[in-house]
Amino acid sequence: MAKSIRIVVLVYKLTQNFPKEEVYALTSQIKSASVSIHSNIAEGFGRQTDKSFNHFLNISRGSLNELETQLIIAKELEFNLDEKILNEIMLLIEEESKMIHSFSKKLKE
């Protein structure tokens, strides 16, 4: 399973116990950011030009940063977070960001 898909699966598990009043707020934003990561990679690949693909890779990396920020906010708000899942997501975010950066550099060569 791709790291970005694994992030989505873990995010959905993590947010199951978030406060119900957050379902249309932070929970929704977190889920959306996680889904956007792989979706933008796929869309960029489908454009079939390196320049366009690189553009969507940058958007994907932005979604990774957005997700990381939102998870930090959820933690600071003391949402009911499974620390093991949160730590795995944060590690995957770091790994995926490095992979996207490296791939983006190769596309520019």
C-alpha atoms as a PDB file:
ATOM      1  CA  MET A   1       0.000   0.000   0.000  1.00  0.00           C
ATOM      2  CA  ALA A   2       1.323   3.443  -0.900  1.00  0.00           C
ATOM      3  CA  LYS A   3       2.342   5.601   2.052  1.00  0.00           C
ATOM      4  CA  SER A   4      -0.173   8.270   1.070  1.00  0.00           C
ATOM      5  CA  ILE A   5      -3.012   5.726   1.036  1.00  0.00           C
ATOM      6  CA  ARG A   6      -1.854   4.386   4.401  1.00  0.00           C
ATOM      7  CA  ILE A   7      -2.039   7.952   5.745  1.00  0.00           C
ATOM      8  CA  VAL A   8      -5.693   8.196   4.662  1.00  0.00           C
ATOM      9  CA  VAL A   9      -6.579   4.880   6.309  1.00  0.00           C
ATOM     10  CA  LEU A  10      -4.893   5.888   9.546  1.00  0.00           C
ATOM     11  CA  VAL A  11      -6.462   9.366   9.522  1.00  0.00           C
ATOM     12  CA  TYR A  12      -9.926   7.867   9.231  1.00  0.00           C
ATOM     13  CA  LYS A  13      -9.170   5.568  12.175  1.00  0.00           C
ATOM     14  CA  LEU A  14      -7.699   8.422  14.210  1.00  0.00           C
ATOM     15  CA  THR A  15     -10.646  10.765  13.672  1.00  0.00           C
ATOM     16  CA  GLN A  16     -13.323   8.218  14.638  1.00  0.00           C
ATOM     17  CA  ASN A  17     -13.141   9.365  18.251  1.00  0.00           C
ATOM     18  CA  PHE A  18     -12.942  13.089  17.627  1.00  0.00           C
ATOM     19  CA  PRO A  19     -15.669  15.223  19.231  1.00  0.00           C
ATOM     20  CA  LYS A  20     -18.950  14.996  17.304  1.00  0.00           C
ATOM     21  CA  GLU A  21     -19.187  18.798  17.052  1.00  0.00           C
ATOM     22  CA  GLU A  22     -15.967  18.700  14.999  1.00  0.00           C
ATOM     23  CA  VAL A  23     -17.365  16.429  12.285  1.00  0.00           C
ATOM     24  CA  TYR A  24     -17.906  19.353   9.866  1.00  0.00           C
ATOM     25  CA  ALA A  25     -14.933  21.366  11.100  1.00  0.00           C
ATOM     26  CA  LEU A  26     -11.437  20.111  11.878  1.00  0.00           C
ATOM     27  CA  THR A  27     -12.313  16.443  11.322  1.00  0.00           C
ATOM     28  CA  SER A  28     -13.526  17.196   7.818  1.00  0.00           C
ATOM     29  CA  GLN A  29     -10.463  19.307   7.031  1.00  0.00           C
ATOM     30  CA  ILE A  30      -8.104  16.594   8.283  1.00  0.00           C
ATOM     31  CA  LYS A  31      -9.787  13.938   6.174  1.00  0.00           C
ATOM     32  CA  SER A  32      -9.828  16.185   3.123  1.00  0.00           C
ATOM     33  CA  ALA A  33      -6.134  17.046   3.422  1.00  0.00           C
ATOM     34  CA  SER A  34      -5.214  13.380   3.771  1.00  0.00           C
ATOM     35  CA  VAL A  35      -7.216  12.362   0.688  1.00  0.00           C
ATOM     36  CA  SER A  36      -5.725  15.243  -1.308  1.00  0.00           C
ATOM     37  CA  ILE A  37      -2.188  13.918  -0.909  1.00  0.00           C
ATOM     38  CA  HIS A  38      -2.527  10.848  -3.123  1.00  0.00           C
ATOM     39  CA  SER A  39      -5.259  12.380  -5.275  1.00  0.00           C
ATOM     40  CA  ASN A  40      -2.925  15.159  -6.424  1.00  0.00           C
ATOM     41  CA  ILE A  41      -0.119  12.721  -7.123  1.00  0.00           C
ATOM     42  CA  ALA A  42      -2.499  10.678  -9.272  1.00  0.00           C
ATOM     43  CA  GLU A  43      -3.889  13.727 -11.066  1.00  0.00           C
ATOM     44  CA  GLY A  44      -0.420  15.065 -11.801  1.00  0.00           C
ATOM     45  CA  PHE A  45       0.711  11.706 -13.149  1.00  0.00           C
ATOM     46  CA  GLY A  46      -2.315  11.648 -15.405  1.00  0.00           C
ATOM     47  CA  ARG A  47      -1.374  14.990 -16.960  1.00  0.00           C
ATOM     48  CA  GLN A  48       1.600  13.281 -18.652  1.00  0.00           C
ATOM     49  CA  THR A  49       4.017  16.223 -18.600  1.00  0.00           C
ATOM     50  CA  ASP A  50       6.826  16.610 -16.119  1.00  0.00           C
ATOM     51  CA  LYS A  51       5.996  20.273 -15.505  1.00  0.00           C
ATOM     52  CA  SER A  52       2.364  19.546 -14.727  1.00  0.00           C
ATOM     53  CA  PHE A  53       3.234  16.495 -12.648  1.00  0.00           C
ATOM     54  CA  ASN A  54       5.709  18.549 -10.636  1.00  0.00           C
ATOM     55  CA  HIS A  55       3.036  21.191 -10.012  1.00  0.00           C
ATOM     56  CA  PHE A  56       0.691  18.580  -8.556  1.00  0.00           C
ATOM     57  CA  LEU A  57       3.501  17.062  -6.494  1.00  0.00           C
ATOM     58  CA  ASN A  58       3.987  20.486  -4.914  1.00  0.00           C
ATOM     59  CA  ILE A  59       0.271  20.679  -4.155  1.00  0.00           C
ATOM     60  CA  SER A  60       0.482  17.227  -2.617  1.00  0.00           C
ATOM     61  CA  ARG A  61       3.365  18.312  -0.394  1.00  0.00           C
ATOM     62  CA  GLY A  62       1.278  21.308   0.650  1.00  0.00           C
ATOM     63  CA  SER A  63      -1.492  18.914   1.680  1.00  0.00           C
ATOM     64  CA  LEU A  64       1.032  16.987   3.779  1.00  0.00           C
ATOM     65  CA  ASN A  65       1.994  20.202   5.574  1.00  0.00           C
ATOM     66  CA  GLU A  66      -1.658  21.125   6.027  1.00  0.00           C
ATOM     67  CA  LEU A  67      -2.432  17.707   7.497  1.00  0.00           C
ATOM     68  CA  GLU A  68       0.520  17.859   9.870  1.00  0.00           C
ATOM     69  CA  THR A  69      -0.593  21.283  11.127  1.00  0.00           C
ATOM     70  CA  GLN A  70      -4.184  20.147  11.623  1.00  0.00           C
ATOM     71  CA  LEU A  71      -3.075  17.086  13.595  1.00  0.00           C
ATOM     72  CA  ILE A  72      -0.913  19.263  15.834  1.00  0.00           C
ATOM     73  CA  ILE A  73      -3.953  21.487  16.448  1.00  0.00           C
ATOM     74  CA  ALA A  74      -6.107  18.451  17.286  1.00  0.00           C
ATOM     75  CA  LYS A  75      -3.471  17.308  19.752  1.00  0.00           C
ATOM     76  CA  GLU A  76      -3.237  20.771  21.353  1.00  0.00           C
ATOM     77  CA  LEU A  77      -7.037  20.828  21.665  1.00  0.00           C
ATOM     78  CA  GLU A  78      -6.713  17.515  23.513  1.00  0.00           C
ATOM     79  CA  PHE A  79      -8.946  15.558  21.184  1.00  0.00           C
ATOM     80  CA  ASN A  80      -9.169  11.861  21.957  1.00  0.00           C
ATOM     81  CA  LEU A  81      -6.096  10.794  19.944  1.00  0.00           C
ATOM     82  CA  ASP A  82      -4.589   7.353  19.713  1.00  0.00           C
ATOM     83  CA  GLU A  83      -0.914   8.282  20.171  1.00  0.00           C
ATOM     84  CA  LYS A  84       0.328   5.187  18.335  1.00  0.00           C
ATOM     85  CA  ILE A  85      -1.726   6.024  15.240  1.00  0.00           C
ATOM     86  CA  LEU A  86      -0.820   9.721  15.462  1.00  0.00           C
ATOM     87  CA  ASN A  87       2.889   8.930  15.665  1.00  0.00           C
ATOM     88  CA  GLU A  88       2.657   6.579  12.684  1.00  0.00           C
ATOM     89  CA  ILE A  89       0.865   9.232  10.633  1.00  0.00           C
ATOM     90  CA  MET A  90       3.474  11.856  11.538  1.00  0.00           C
ATOM     91  CA  LEU A  91       6.287   9.489  10.532  1.00  0.00           C
ATOM     92  CA  LEU A  92       4.545   8.702   7.232  1.00  0.00           C
ATOM     93  CA  ILE A  93       4.037  12.421   6.566  1.00  0.00           C
ATOM     94  CA  GLU A  94       7.772  12.991   7.013  1.00  0.00           C
ATOM     95  CA  GLU A  95       8.687  10.040   4.786  1.00  0.00           C
ATOM     96  CA  GLU A  96       6.173  10.954   2.079  1.00  0.00           C
ATOM     97  CA  SER A  97       7.338  14.561   2.059  1.00  0.00           C
ATOM     98  CA  LYS A  98      10.946  13.460   1.528  1.00  0.00           C
ATOM     99  CA  MET A  99       9.910  11.081  -1.251  1.00  0.00           C
ATOM    100  CA  ILE A 100       7.885  13.752  -3.040  1.00  0.00           C
ATOM    101  CA  HIS A 101      10.724  16.266  -2.705  1.00  0.00           C
ATOM    102  CA  SER A 102      13.222  13.802  -4.138  1.00  0.00           C
ATOM    103  CA  PHE A 103      10.925  12.822  -6.996  1.00  0.00           C
ATOM    104  CA  SER A 104      10.181  16.463  -7.762  1.00  0.00           C
ATOM    105  CA  LYS A 105      13.911  17.193  -8.022  1.00  0.00           C
ATOM    106  CA  LYS A 106      14.350  14.302 -10.467  1.00  0.00           C
ATOM    107  CA  LEU A 107      11.550  15.642 -12.660  1.00  0.00           C
ATOM    108  CA  LYS A 108      13.353  18.978 -12.926  1.00  0.00           C
ATOM    109  CA  GLU A 109      16.610  17.360 -14.123  1.00  0.00           C
END
